[in-house]
Amino acid sequence: MRTVDLSIAYNADIAALTVVWLLLNGYGLPASLAGGLAVGALIGLINGIMVVKGVSALVATLGMMFIIRSAQLLTTGGGTPLMLFTLPKSKTRTFLHLGQGYAWGVPMQVIIGLTILVLVYILIYQTRFGRYLHAIGGNVDVASLSGIHTKLYMTLGFVLAGLLSACGGIMSATRTGMAQPEGSPYPWLYSLVSPATGTTPFFKGKLTILVPTGRGLFVG
């Protein structure tokens, strides 16, 4: 079974917009980050439900992409960026440190990125959830006959994709100090190309989080 999520770039953008909007409206950093991640997970959940109900993943996520884009434009007054520079530095220091700061001489974005990579690696390769995703990706009918609740785990896979998309968007906002609609063009292309160029000729259909692209290895 092959699935694709074309909404990841717009998911990343709206998660970043959510976090920045919450910060600008007086919410604390933990609540703002939780809000952005929740938006990403919710979008993934809706995508997953549509796909397991029989809607083509291409059609479902393409439709979600346009819905998110419309929501972004409506909430930003036609695409006006949301900037954190209007807030006192005391309220944005911790958030911006996640994208601009260093720890032990290593950029925080590298530390956070590697941490997420390790966690996803463990989830995909060392847990029952990951084994079930491998089985579903190999042959969904056989996986179902083996007793795997394929619809549930496919939905959870989309939720995971939504969460990771949100993480990417939020980290982009921590680096730039702003969020704007359509601020992440490359993930949209990767979401379409990486399943074909990564799993087919290089990994023979096996689930992987490292996908070769023209710009290096992409976590997909």
N, C-alpha and C. Protein backbone atom coordinates (compact mmCIF):
# COMPACT_ATOMS: atom_id res chain seq x y z
N MET A 1 0.85 -1.20 0.00
CA MET A 1 0.00 0.00 0.00
C MET A 1 0.88 1.23 0.00
N ARG A 2 0.54 2.19 -0.84
CA ARG A 2 1.31 3.42 -0.92
C ARG A 2 0.43 4.59 -0.51
N THR A 3 0.96 5.42 0.37
CA THR A 3 0.25 6.61 0.78
C THR A 3 1.18 7.80 0.66
N VAL A 4 0.60 8.96 0.58
CA VAL A 4 1.38 10.18 0.48
C VAL A 4 0.61 11.26 1.21
N ASP A 5 1.34 12.18 1.83
CA ASP A 5 0.71 13.30 2.54
C ASP A 5 1.21 14.59 1.91
N LEU A 6 0.35 15.20 1.09
CA LEU A 6 0.72 16.44 0.41
C LEU A 6 0.50 17.67 1.27
N SER A 7 -0.04 17.48 2.46
CA SER A 7 -0.37 18.64 3.30
C SER A 7 0.72 18.98 4.30
N ILE A 8 1.85 18.27 4.29
CA ILE A 8 2.82 18.44 5.37
C ILE A 8 3.41 19.85 5.41
N ALA A 9 3.67 20.45 4.25
CA ALA A 9 4.26 21.79 4.26
C ALA A 9 3.29 22.81 4.85
N TYR A 10 2.01 22.72 4.47
CA TYR A 10 1.01 23.64 5.00
C TYR A 10 0.70 23.32 6.45
N ASN A 11 0.81 22.05 6.83
CA ASN A 11 0.67 21.67 8.22
C ASN A 11 1.77 22.32 9.05
N ALA A 12 2.98 22.29 8.54
CA ALA A 12 4.09 22.93 9.24
C ALA A 12 3.86 24.42 9.41
N ASP A 13 3.37 25.05 8.35
CA ASP A 13 3.13 26.50 8.40
C ASP A 13 2.06 26.87 9.42
N ILE A 14 0.95 26.13 9.44
CA ILE A 14 -0.14 26.50 10.34
C ILE A 14 0.21 26.17 11.79
N ALA A 15 1.05 25.17 12.01
CA ALA A 15 1.52 24.89 13.36
C ALA A 15 2.39 26.03 13.87
N ALA A 16 3.27 26.53 12.99
CA ALA A 16 4.11 27.67 13.36
C ALA A 16 3.26 28.91 13.62
N LEU A 17 2.28 29.14 12.76
CA LEU A 17 1.38 30.28 12.95
C LEU A 17 0.62 30.17 14.27
N THR A 18 0.21 28.97 14.61
CA THR A 18 -0.52 28.76 15.87
C THR A 18 0.34 29.12 17.06
N VAL A 19 1.58 28.62 17.07
CA VAL A 19 2.48 28.89 18.20
C VAL A 19 2.76 30.39 18.32
N VAL A 20 3.10 31.02 17.21
CA VAL A 20 3.42 32.45 17.25
C VAL A 20 2.19 33.26 17.65
N TRP A 21 1.01 32.91 17.14
CA TRP A 21 -0.21 33.62 17.50
C TRP A 21 -0.49 33.50 18.99
N LEU A 22 -0.31 32.32 19.54
CA LEU A 22 -0.54 32.11 20.97
C LEU A 22 0.45 32.92 21.80
N LEU A 23 1.71 32.95 21.38
CA LEU A 23 2.71 33.75 22.10
C LEU A 23 2.36 35.23 22.05
N LEU A 24 1.94 35.69 20.88
CA LEU A 24 1.59 37.10 20.72
C LEU A 24 0.37 37.48 21.55
N ASN A 25 -0.47 36.50 21.88
CA ASN A 25 -1.68 36.78 22.64
C ASN A 25 -1.54 36.43 24.12
N GLY A 26 -0.31 36.33 24.58
CA GLY A 26 -0.07 36.23 26.01
C GLY A 26 0.02 34.84 26.59
N TYR A 27 -0.05 33.80 25.77
CA TYR A 27 0.06 32.44 26.30
C TYR A 27 1.52 32.10 26.55
N GLY A 28 1.75 31.25 27.51
CA GLY A 28 3.10 30.83 27.84
C GLY A 28 3.69 29.91 26.78
N LEU A 29 4.99 29.68 26.87
CA LEU A 29 5.67 28.85 25.87
C LEU A 29 5.16 27.41 25.87
N PRO A 30 5.01 26.75 27.03
CA PRO A 30 4.52 25.36 27.01
C PRO A 30 3.14 25.24 26.36
N ALA A 31 2.23 26.16 26.70
CA ALA A 31 0.89 26.10 26.13
C ALA A 31 0.92 26.39 24.63
N SER A 32 1.78 27.31 24.22
CA SER A 32 1.87 27.65 22.79
C SER A 32 2.42 26.48 21.99
N LEU A 33 3.48 25.84 22.50
CA LEU A 33 4.05 24.69 21.80
C LEU A 33 3.04 23.54 21.75
N ALA A 34 2.34 23.33 22.85
CA ALA A 34 1.33 22.27 22.88
C ALA A 34 0.22 22.55 21.87
N GLY A 35 -0.16 23.82 21.75
CA GLY A 35 -1.19 24.19 20.78
C GLY A 35 -0.75 23.92 19.35
N GLY A 36 0.48 24.27 19.02
CA GLY A 36 0.98 24.02 17.66
C GLY A 36 1.06 22.54 17.34
N LEU A 37 1.55 21.75 18.29
CA LEU A 37 1.65 20.31 18.08
C LEU A 37 0.26 19.67 17.97
N ALA A 38 -0.68 20.19 18.77
CA ALA A 38 -2.04 19.66 18.72
C ALA A 38 -2.68 19.91 17.36
N VAL A 39 -2.44 21.09 16.79
CA VAL A 39 -2.97 21.39 15.46
C VAL A 39 -2.40 20.42 14.43
N GLY A 40 -1.10 20.19 14.50
CA GLY A 40 -0.48 19.25 13.56
C GLY A 40 -1.04 17.85 13.69
N ALA A 41 -1.21 17.39 14.95
CA ALA A 41 -1.74 16.05 15.17
C ALA A 41 -3.19 15.95 14.70
N LEU A 42 -3.97 17.01 14.91
CA LEU A 42 -5.37 17.00 14.49
C LEU A 42 -5.49 16.91 12.97
N ILE A 43 -4.66 17.65 12.27
CA ILE A 43 -4.67 17.59 10.80
C ILE A 43 -4.30 16.18 10.34
N GLY A 44 -3.28 15.60 10.97
CA GLY A 44 -2.91 14.23 10.62
C GLY A 44 -4.03 13.25 10.90
N LEU A 45 -4.73 13.45 12.02
CA LEU A 45 -5.85 12.57 12.37
C LEU A 45 -6.96 12.65 11.32
N ILE A 46 -7.30 13.86 10.91
CA ILE A 46 -8.34 14.02 9.89
C ILE A 46 -7.92 13.37 8.58
N ASN A 47 -6.67 13.57 8.20
CA ASN A 47 -6.17 12.92 6.98
C ASN A 47 -6.29 11.41 7.09
N GLY A 48 -5.87 10.87 8.23
CA GLY A 48 -5.91 9.43 8.42
C GLY A 48 -7.31 8.87 8.37
N ILE A 49 -8.25 9.57 8.99
CA ILE A 49 -9.64 9.11 8.98
C ILE A 49 -10.19 9.09 7.56
N MET A 50 -9.90 10.14 6.79
CA MET A 50 -10.39 10.18 5.42
C MET A 50 -9.82 9.03 4.59
N VAL A 51 -8.53 8.74 4.79
CA VAL A 51 -7.89 7.69 3.99
C VAL A 51 -8.45 6.32 4.35
N VAL A 52 -8.61 6.02 5.63
CA VAL A 52 -9.12 4.69 6.01
C VAL A 52 -10.59 4.54 5.67
N LYS A 53 -11.28 5.66 5.46
CA LYS A 53 -12.68 5.59 5.04
C LYS A 53 -12.82 5.38 3.53
N GLY A 54 -11.69 5.32 2.84
CA GLY A 54 -11.73 5.00 1.42
C GLY A 54 -11.36 6.13 0.48
N VAL A 55 -11.09 7.32 1.01
CA VAL A 55 -10.68 8.42 0.15
C VAL A 55 -9.21 8.23 -0.24
N SER A 56 -8.88 8.46 -1.49
CA SER A 56 -7.49 8.36 -1.93
C SER A 56 -6.62 9.30 -1.10
N ALA A 57 -5.45 8.81 -0.66
CA ALA A 57 -4.54 9.64 0.13
C ALA A 57 -4.14 10.89 -0.64
N LEU A 58 -3.97 10.75 -1.94
CA LEU A 58 -3.59 11.89 -2.77
C LEU A 58 -4.69 12.95 -2.74
N VAL A 59 -5.93 12.51 -2.90
CA VAL A 59 -7.06 13.44 -2.93
C VAL A 59 -7.30 14.04 -1.55
N ALA A 60 -7.28 13.19 -0.51
CA ALA A 60 -7.56 13.65 0.85
C ALA A 60 -6.56 14.70 1.31
N THR A 61 -5.28 14.42 1.13
CA THR A 61 -4.26 15.35 1.63
C THR A 61 -4.13 16.59 0.73
N LEU A 62 -4.44 16.43 -0.55
CA LEU A 62 -4.46 17.60 -1.43
C LEU A 62 -5.58 18.55 -1.02
N GLY A 63 -6.75 17.98 -0.73
CA GLY A 63 -7.86 18.80 -0.25
C GLY A 63 -7.53 19.47 1.07
N MET A 64 -6.89 18.73 1.98
CA MET A 64 -6.49 19.30 3.27
C MET A 64 -5.50 20.44 3.06
N MET A 65 -4.64 20.29 2.08
CA MET A 65 -3.66 21.34 1.79
C MET A 65 -4.36 22.66 1.47
N PHE A 66 -5.38 22.59 0.63
CA PHE A 66 -6.09 23.81 0.25
C PHE A 66 -6.91 24.36 1.42
N ILE A 67 -7.45 23.48 2.25
CA ILE A 67 -8.20 23.94 3.43
C ILE A 67 -7.27 24.69 4.38
N ILE A 68 -6.10 24.12 4.63
CA ILE A 68 -5.14 24.77 5.53
C ILE A 68 -4.69 26.10 4.96
N ARG A 69 -4.43 26.13 3.67
CA ARG A 69 -3.99 27.38 3.04
C ARG A 69 -5.06 28.46 3.20
N SER A 70 -6.32 28.10 3.01
CA SER A 70 -7.40 29.07 3.18
C SER A 70 -7.48 29.55 4.62
N ALA A 71 -7.33 28.64 5.57
CA ALA A 71 -7.37 29.01 6.99
C ALA A 71 -6.22 29.95 7.33
N GLN A 72 -5.05 29.70 6.76
CA GLN A 72 -3.91 30.57 7.00
C GLN A 72 -4.17 31.98 6.50
N LEU A 73 -4.70 32.08 5.31
CA LEU A 73 -4.94 33.40 4.73
C LEU A 73 -6.03 34.15 5.49
N LEU A 74 -7.05 33.43 5.95
CA LEU A 74 -8.12 34.07 6.71
C LEU A 74 -7.63 34.58 8.06
N THR A 75 -6.81 33.79 8.73
CA THR A 75 -6.37 34.17 10.07
C THR A 75 -5.25 35.21 10.05
N THR A 76 -4.59 35.39 8.92
CA THR A 76 -3.50 36.38 8.85
C THR A 76 -3.89 37.59 8.01
N GLY A 77 -5.16 37.70 7.67
CA GLY A 77 -5.60 38.86 6.90
C GLY A 77 -5.03 38.90 5.50
N GLY A 78 -4.95 37.73 4.86
CA GLY A 78 -4.47 37.68 3.49
C GLY A 78 -3.01 37.31 3.34
N GLY A 79 -2.37 36.91 4.44
CA GLY A 79 -0.98 36.46 4.34
C GLY A 79 0.01 37.31 5.07
N THR A 80 -0.43 38.19 5.97
CA THR A 80 0.49 39.03 6.74
C THR A 80 1.28 38.17 7.72
N PRO A 81 2.60 38.24 7.70
CA PRO A 81 3.40 37.43 8.64
C PRO A 81 3.14 37.83 10.08
N LEU A 82 3.23 36.87 10.97
CA LEU A 82 3.14 37.13 12.41
C LEU A 82 4.56 37.17 12.95
N MET A 83 4.95 38.27 13.56
CA MET A 83 6.33 38.45 14.01
C MET A 83 6.40 38.58 15.52
N LEU A 84 7.43 37.96 16.10
CA LEU A 84 7.61 38.01 17.53
C LEU A 84 8.44 39.21 17.99
N PHE A 85 8.96 39.98 17.05
CA PHE A 85 9.85 41.08 17.42
C PHE A 85 9.10 42.20 18.15
N THR A 86 7.76 42.17 18.10
CA THR A 86 6.99 43.19 18.79
C THR A 86 6.89 42.91 20.29
N LEU A 87 7.25 41.70 20.71
CA LEU A 87 7.18 41.34 22.12
C LEU A 87 8.51 41.65 22.82
N PRO A 88 8.49 41.86 24.12
CA PRO A 88 9.73 42.04 24.88
C PRO A 88 10.61 40.80 24.76
N LYS A 89 11.91 41.01 24.77
CA LYS A 89 12.83 39.88 24.63
C LYS A 89 12.68 38.87 25.75
N SER A 90 12.23 39.34 26.91
CA SER A 90 12.07 38.43 28.04
C SER A 90 11.01 37.36 27.76
N LYS A 91 10.05 37.67 26.87
CA LYS A 91 8.98 36.73 26.55
C LYS A 91 9.30 35.82 25.37
N THR A 92 10.31 36.18 24.61
CA THR A 92 10.63 35.39 23.42
C THR A 92 12.00 34.73 23.50
N ARG A 93 12.77 35.04 24.54
CA ARG A 93 14.15 34.55 24.61
C ARG A 93 14.22 33.03 24.56
N THR A 94 13.42 32.37 25.37
CA THR A 94 13.47 30.90 25.42
C THR A 94 13.05 30.28 24.10
N PHE A 95 11.99 30.82 23.51
CA PHE A 95 11.50 30.28 22.24
C PHE A 95 12.54 30.44 21.14
N LEU A 96 13.12 31.62 21.02
CA LEU A 96 14.11 31.86 19.97
C LEU A 96 15.40 31.10 20.24
N HIS A 97 15.68 30.83 21.51
CA HIS A 97 16.90 30.07 21.83
C HIS A 97 16.84 28.66 21.24
N LEU A 98 15.62 28.12 21.11
CA LEU A 98 15.48 26.78 20.53
C LEU A 98 15.97 26.73 19.10
N GLY A 99 15.87 27.85 18.39
CA GLY A 99 16.29 27.86 16.99
C GLY A 99 17.57 28.62 16.72
N GLN A 100 17.93 29.52 17.61
CA GLN A 100 19.10 30.37 17.37
C GLN A 100 20.23 30.13 18.36
N GLY A 101 19.93 29.44 19.46
CA GLY A 101 20.91 29.27 20.52
C GLY A 101 21.81 28.06 20.32
N TYR A 102 22.72 27.92 21.28
CA TYR A 102 23.70 26.83 21.29
C TYR A 102 23.71 26.16 22.65
N ALA A 103 24.08 24.91 22.67
CA ALA A 103 24.29 24.18 23.91
C ALA A 103 25.56 23.36 23.75
N TRP A 104 26.52 23.61 24.63
CA TRP A 104 27.82 22.94 24.54
C TRP A 104 28.49 23.16 23.17
N GLY A 105 28.25 24.33 22.61
CA GLY A 105 28.86 24.66 21.33
C GLY A 105 28.15 24.08 20.12
N VAL A 106 27.03 23.39 20.33
CA VAL A 106 26.27 22.77 19.24
C VAL A 106 24.96 23.53 19.06
N PRO A 107 24.58 23.86 17.83
CA PRO A 107 23.31 24.56 17.63
C PRO A 107 22.13 23.77 18.21
N MET A 108 21.22 24.47 18.84
CA MET A 108 20.06 23.81 19.43
C MET A 108 19.23 23.08 18.39
N GLN A 109 19.15 23.63 17.18
CA GLN A 109 18.37 22.96 16.14
C GLN A 109 18.96 21.60 15.79
N VAL A 110 20.28 21.48 15.82
CA VAL A 110 20.92 20.20 15.56
C VAL A 110 20.58 19.21 16.67
N ILE A 111 20.66 19.67 17.91
CA ILE A 111 20.36 18.81 19.05
C ILE A 111 18.92 18.34 19.02
N ILE A 112 18.00 19.27 18.79
CA ILE A 112 16.58 18.91 18.75
C ILE A 112 16.28 17.99 17.57
N GLY A 113 16.87 18.31 16.41
CA GLY A 113 16.65 17.49 15.23
C GLY A 113 17.14 16.06 15.42
N LEU A 114 18.34 15.91 15.98
CA LEU A 114 18.88 14.57 16.22
C LEU A 114 18.07 13.82 17.27
N THR A 115 17.59 14.55 18.26
CA THR A 115 16.76 13.92 19.29
C THR A 115 15.47 13.37 18.68
N ILE A 116 14.83 14.17 17.84
CA ILE A 116 13.60 13.71 17.17
C ILE A 116 13.91 12.52 16.27
N LEU A 117 15.03 12.59 15.55
CA LEU A 117 15.42 11.50 14.66
C LEU A 117 15.61 10.19 15.43
N VAL A 118 16.28 10.26 16.57
CA VAL A 118 16.51 9.06 17.39
C VAL A 118 15.20 8.51 17.91
N LEU A 119 14.32 9.40 18.39
CA LEU A 119 13.03 8.96 18.92
C LEU A 119 12.18 8.29 17.84
N VAL A 120 12.17 8.89 16.65
CA VAL A 120 11.40 8.30 15.55
C VAL A 120 12.02 6.97 15.13
N TYR A 121 13.34 6.90 15.12
CA TYR A 121 14.02 5.64 14.77
C TYR A 121 13.60 4.53 15.73
N ILE A 122 13.62 4.85 17.03
CA ILE A 122 13.22 3.85 18.02
C ILE A 122 11.76 3.45 17.82
N LEU A 123 10.91 4.44 17.57
CA LEU A 123 9.49 4.16 17.39
C LEU A 123 9.24 3.27 16.18
N ILE A 124 9.95 3.54 15.09
CA ILE A 124 9.72 2.81 13.84
C ILE A 124 10.36 1.43 13.84
N TYR A 125 11.55 1.31 14.45
CA TYR A 125 12.29 0.06 14.34
C TYR A 125 12.31 -0.80 15.60
N GLN A 126 11.91 -0.23 16.73
CA GLN A 126 12.04 -0.98 17.97
C GLN A 126 10.73 -1.18 18.72
N THR A 127 9.62 -0.83 18.12
CA THR A 127 8.33 -0.97 18.82
C THR A 127 7.34 -1.76 17.97
N ARG A 128 6.27 -2.20 18.62
CA ARG A 128 5.20 -2.91 17.92
C ARG A 128 4.56 -2.01 16.87
N PHE A 129 4.40 -0.74 17.22
CA PHE A 129 3.82 0.23 16.28
C PHE A 129 4.61 0.24 14.97
N GLY A 130 5.92 0.29 15.06
CA GLY A 130 6.75 0.30 13.87
C GLY A 130 6.65 -0.99 13.08
N ARG A 131 6.64 -2.12 13.77
CA ARG A 131 6.52 -3.41 13.08
C ARG A 131 5.19 -3.51 12.34
N TYR A 132 4.14 -2.98 12.96
CA TYR A 132 2.84 -3.01 12.30
C TYR A 132 2.83 -2.12 11.07
N LEU A 133 3.50 -0.97 11.15
CA LEU A 133 3.58 -0.10 9.97
C LEU A 133 4.34 -0.78 8.84
N HIS A 134 5.40 -1.48 9.18
CA HIS A 134 6.14 -2.25 8.17
C HIS A 134 5.22 -3.28 7.51
N ALA A 135 4.46 -3.99 8.33
CA ALA A 135 3.57 -5.03 7.80
C ALA A 135 2.49 -4.43 6.91
N ILE A 136 1.90 -3.32 7.34
CA ILE A 136 0.85 -2.67 6.55
C ILE A 136 1.41 -2.15 5.24
N GLY A 137 2.61 -1.59 5.29
CA GLY A 137 3.24 -1.10 4.07
C GLY A 137 3.59 -2.21 3.10
N GLY A 138 3.91 -3.39 3.63
CA GLY A 138 4.24 -4.51 2.76
C GLY A 138 3.01 -5.07 2.07
N ASN A 139 1.97 -5.35 2.82
CA ASN A 139 0.73 -5.88 2.24
C ASN A 139 -0.38 -5.67 3.26
N VAL A 140 -1.23 -4.73 3.00
CA VAL A 140 -2.26 -4.37 3.98
C VAL A 140 -3.25 -5.51 4.19
N ASP A 141 -3.55 -6.28 3.16
CA ASP A 141 -4.49 -7.40 3.30
C ASP A 141 -3.92 -8.48 4.20
N VAL A 142 -2.65 -8.83 3.98
CA VAL A 142 -2.01 -9.85 4.82
C VAL A 142 -1.91 -9.36 6.26
N ALA A 143 -1.59 -8.07 6.43
CA ALA A 143 -1.51 -7.51 7.78
C ALA A 143 -2.85 -7.60 8.50
N SER A 144 -3.93 -7.32 7.77
CA SER A 144 -5.26 -7.41 8.36
C SER A 144 -5.60 -8.84 8.74
N LEU A 145 -5.28 -9.78 7.89
CA LEU A 145 -5.54 -11.19 8.18
C LEU A 145 -4.69 -11.70 9.34
N SER A 146 -3.59 -11.03 9.60
CA SER A 146 -2.71 -11.41 10.71
C SER A 146 -3.21 -10.88 12.05
N GLY A 147 -4.28 -10.09 12.02
CA GLY A 147 -4.85 -9.58 13.25
C GLY A 147 -4.50 -8.15 13.57
N ILE A 148 -3.81 -7.48 12.67
CA ILE A 148 -3.44 -6.08 12.90
C ILE A 148 -4.62 -5.18 12.58
N HIS A 149 -4.91 -4.26 13.46
CA HIS A 149 -5.98 -3.29 13.22
C HIS A 149 -5.43 -2.24 12.24
N THR A 150 -5.49 -2.58 10.96
CA THR A 150 -4.80 -1.76 9.95
C THR A 150 -5.32 -0.33 9.89
N LYS A 151 -6.62 -0.14 10.02
CA LYS A 151 -7.16 1.21 9.94
C LYS A 151 -6.67 2.08 11.08
N LEU A 152 -6.59 1.50 12.27
CA LEU A 152 -6.10 2.26 13.43
C LEU A 152 -4.65 2.68 13.23
N TYR A 153 -3.82 1.74 12.81
CA TYR A 153 -2.39 2.05 12.70
C TYR A 153 -2.08 2.94 11.50
N MET A 154 -2.87 2.83 10.45
CA MET A 154 -2.71 3.77 9.35
C MET A 154 -3.06 5.18 9.80
N THR A 155 -4.11 5.30 10.59
CA THR A 155 -4.50 6.61 11.10
C THR A 155 -3.42 7.17 12.02
N LEU A 156 -2.88 6.32 12.89
CA LEU A 156 -1.81 6.76 13.78
C LEU A 156 -0.57 7.18 12.99
N GLY A 157 -0.33 6.53 11.86
CA GLY A 157 0.78 6.92 11.01
C GLY A 157 0.62 8.33 10.48
N PHE A 158 -0.60 8.67 10.09
CA PHE A 158 -0.86 10.03 9.63
C PHE A 158 -0.75 11.04 10.78
N VAL A 159 -1.17 10.63 11.97
CA VAL A 159 -1.03 11.51 13.14
C VAL A 159 0.45 11.78 13.40
N LEU A 160 1.27 10.75 13.31
CA LEU A 160 2.70 10.92 13.50
C LEU A 160 3.28 11.87 12.45
N ALA A 161 2.83 11.71 11.20
CA ALA A 161 3.29 12.61 10.14
C ALA A 161 2.88 14.05 10.45
N GLY A 162 1.67 14.24 10.98
CA GLY A 162 1.22 15.57 11.33
C GLY A 162 2.05 16.17 12.45
N LEU A 163 2.37 15.36 13.45
CA LEU A 163 3.19 15.85 14.56
C LEU A 163 4.58 16.26 14.09
N LEU A 164 5.19 15.43 13.25
CA LEU A 164 6.54 15.74 12.76
C LEU A 164 6.52 16.97 11.86
N SER A 165 5.46 17.12 11.08
CA SER A 165 5.33 18.32 10.26
C SER A 165 5.26 19.56 11.14
N ALA A 166 4.46 19.47 12.21
CA ALA A 166 4.33 20.59 13.14
C ALA A 166 5.67 20.91 13.79
N CYS A 167 6.43 19.89 14.14
CA CYS A 167 7.75 20.12 14.73
C CYS A 167 8.64 20.89 13.77
N GLY A 168 8.61 20.52 12.50
CA GLY A 168 9.41 21.23 11.50
C GLY A 168 9.02 22.68 11.36
N GLY A 169 7.71 22.94 11.33
CA GLY A 169 7.25 24.31 11.21
C GLY A 169 7.60 25.15 12.42
N ILE A 170 7.44 24.57 13.60
CA ILE A 170 7.75 25.30 14.83
C ILE A 170 9.24 25.61 14.91
N MET A 171 10.08 24.66 14.54
CA MET A 171 11.53 24.90 14.57
C MET A 171 11.93 25.98 13.58
N SER A 172 11.23 26.05 12.47
CA SER A 172 11.50 27.13 11.51
C SER A 172 11.17 28.48 12.13
N ALA A 173 10.06 28.53 12.88
CA ALA A 173 9.68 29.78 13.54
C ALA A 173 10.66 30.17 14.62
N THR A 174 11.23 29.19 15.32
CA THR A 174 12.21 29.52 16.35
C THR A 174 13.48 30.10 15.75
N ARG A 175 13.75 29.75 14.51
CA ARG A 175 14.96 30.27 13.85
C ARG A 175 14.74 31.67 13.30
N THR A 176 13.57 31.94 12.75
CA THR A 176 13.32 33.22 12.09
C THR A 176 12.62 34.24 12.98
N GLY A 177 11.95 33.76 14.04
CA GLY A 177 11.20 34.66 14.90
C GLY A 177 9.91 35.13 14.29
N MET A 178 9.41 34.42 13.31
CA MET A 178 8.18 34.80 12.64
C MET A 178 7.53 33.57 12.02
N ALA A 179 6.29 33.73 11.61
CA ALA A 179 5.58 32.67 10.90
C ALA A 179 4.71 33.31 9.84
N GLN A 180 4.60 32.63 8.70
CA GLN A 180 3.80 33.17 7.61
C GLN A 180 3.21 32.04 6.79
N PRO A 181 2.08 32.30 6.11
CA PRO A 181 1.51 31.27 5.24
C PRO A 181 2.46 30.92 4.10
N GLU A 182 2.45 29.66 3.73
CA GLU A 182 3.27 29.18 2.61
C GLU A 182 4.75 29.52 2.82
N GLY A 183 5.20 29.32 4.05
CA GLY A 183 6.60 29.62 4.33
C GLY A 183 7.52 28.44 4.18
N SER A 184 6.97 27.25 3.86
CA SER A 184 7.77 26.03 3.76
C SER A 184 7.54 25.34 2.42
N PRO A 185 8.15 25.80 1.34
CA PRO A 185 7.84 25.23 0.02
C PRO A 185 8.46 23.86 -0.23
N TYR A 186 9.66 23.60 0.29
CA TYR A 186 10.36 22.36 -0.07
C TYR A 186 9.71 21.10 0.49
N PRO A 187 9.19 21.08 1.74
CA PRO A 187 8.56 19.83 2.22
C PRO A 187 7.43 19.34 1.34
N TRP A 188 6.71 20.25 0.69
CA TRP A 188 5.63 19.81 -0.20
C TRP A 188 6.19 18.95 -1.32
N LEU A 189 7.31 19.36 -1.90
CA LEU A 189 7.94 18.59 -2.96
C LEU A 189 8.49 17.28 -2.42
N TYR A 190 9.12 17.31 -1.25
CA TYR A 190 9.67 16.10 -0.67
C TYR A 190 8.59 15.08 -0.38
N SER A 191 7.42 15.54 0.09
CA SER A 191 6.35 14.62 0.43
C SER A 191 5.86 13.85 -0.78
N LEU A 192 6.00 14.45 -1.95
CA LEU A 192 5.56 13.79 -3.19
C LEU A 192 6.65 12.92 -3.78
N VAL A 193 7.89 13.40 -3.74
CA VAL A 193 8.99 12.72 -4.42
C VAL A 193 9.62 11.63 -3.57
N SER A 194 9.76 11.87 -2.26
CA SER A 194 10.53 10.94 -1.43
C SER A 194 9.94 9.53 -1.36
N PRO A 195 8.59 9.34 -1.32
CA PRO A 195 8.10 7.97 -1.30
C PRO A 195 8.48 7.19 -2.55
N ALA A 196 8.52 7.88 -3.69
CA ALA A 196 8.84 7.19 -4.94
C ALA A 196 10.34 6.97 -5.09
N THR A 197 11.13 8.03 -4.86
CA THR A 197 12.57 7.93 -5.08
C THR A 197 13.28 7.25 -3.93
N GLY A 198 12.67 7.25 -2.75
CA GLY A 198 13.33 6.66 -1.60
C GLY A 198 13.00 5.20 -1.42
N THR A 199 11.73 4.87 -1.27
CA THR A 199 11.38 3.50 -0.92
C THR A 199 11.46 2.54 -2.10
N THR A 200 11.23 3.05 -3.31
CA THR A 200 11.16 2.13 -4.44
C THR A 200 12.53 1.67 -4.93
N PRO A 201 13.40 2.57 -5.47
CA PRO A 201 14.65 2.08 -6.01
C PRO A 201 15.73 1.82 -4.96
N PHE A 202 15.65 2.50 -3.79
CA PHE A 202 16.74 2.40 -2.84
C PHE A 202 16.46 1.42 -1.71
N PHE A 203 15.23 1.34 -1.25
CA PHE A 203 14.92 0.49 -0.11
C PHE A 203 13.90 -0.59 -0.44
N LYS A 204 13.50 -0.69 -1.70
CA LYS A 204 12.63 -1.77 -2.17
C LYS A 204 11.35 -1.87 -1.35
N GLY A 205 10.71 -0.73 -1.10
CA GLY A 205 9.43 -0.72 -0.43
C GLY A 205 9.48 -0.78 1.08
N LYS A 206 10.68 -0.88 1.67
CA LYS A 206 10.79 -0.97 3.12
C LYS A 206 10.66 0.42 3.75
N LEU A 207 10.03 0.44 4.92
CA LEU A 207 9.85 1.69 5.65
C LEU A 207 11.20 2.22 6.11
N THR A 208 11.46 3.49 5.89
CA THR A 208 12.73 4.09 6.31
C THR A 208 12.50 5.54 6.67
N ILE A 209 13.31 6.06 7.58
CA ILE A 209 13.20 7.46 7.95
C ILE A 209 14.28 8.30 7.29
N LEU A 210 15.20 7.66 6.58
CA LEU A 210 16.24 8.37 5.85
C LEU A 210 16.05 8.14 4.37
N VAL A 211 15.70 9.19 3.65
CA VAL A 211 15.41 9.09 2.22
C VAL A 211 16.39 9.93 1.44
N PRO A 212 17.16 9.35 0.48
CA PRO A 212 18.08 10.15 -0.31
C PRO A 212 17.32 11.15 -1.19
N THR A 213 17.79 12.39 -1.21
CA THR A 213 17.25 13.40 -2.11
C THR A 213 18.42 14.15 -2.72
N GLY A 214 18.12 15.04 -3.61
CA GLY A 214 19.16 15.84 -4.23
C GLY A 214 19.86 16.77 -3.26
N ARG A 215 19.25 17.00 -2.07
CA ARG A 215 19.83 17.88 -1.08
C ARG A 215 20.37 17.11 0.12
N GLY A 216 20.54 15.78 -0.02
CA GLY A 216 21.06 14.99 1.06
C GLY A 216 20.03 14.01 1.57
N LEU A 217 20.11 13.69 2.86
CA LEU A 217 19.18 12.75 3.46
C LEU A 217 18.02 13.50 4.07
N PHE A 218 16.83 13.05 3.74
CA PHE A 218 15.61 13.70 4.23
C PHE A 218 14.89 12.72 5.14
N VAL A 219 14.50 13.19 6.31
CA VAL A 219 13.75 12.35 7.23
C VAL A 219 12.31 12.33 6.77
N GLY A 220 11.85 11.16 6.29
CA GLY A 220 10.52 11.10 5.72
C GLY A 220 9.80 9.83 6.07
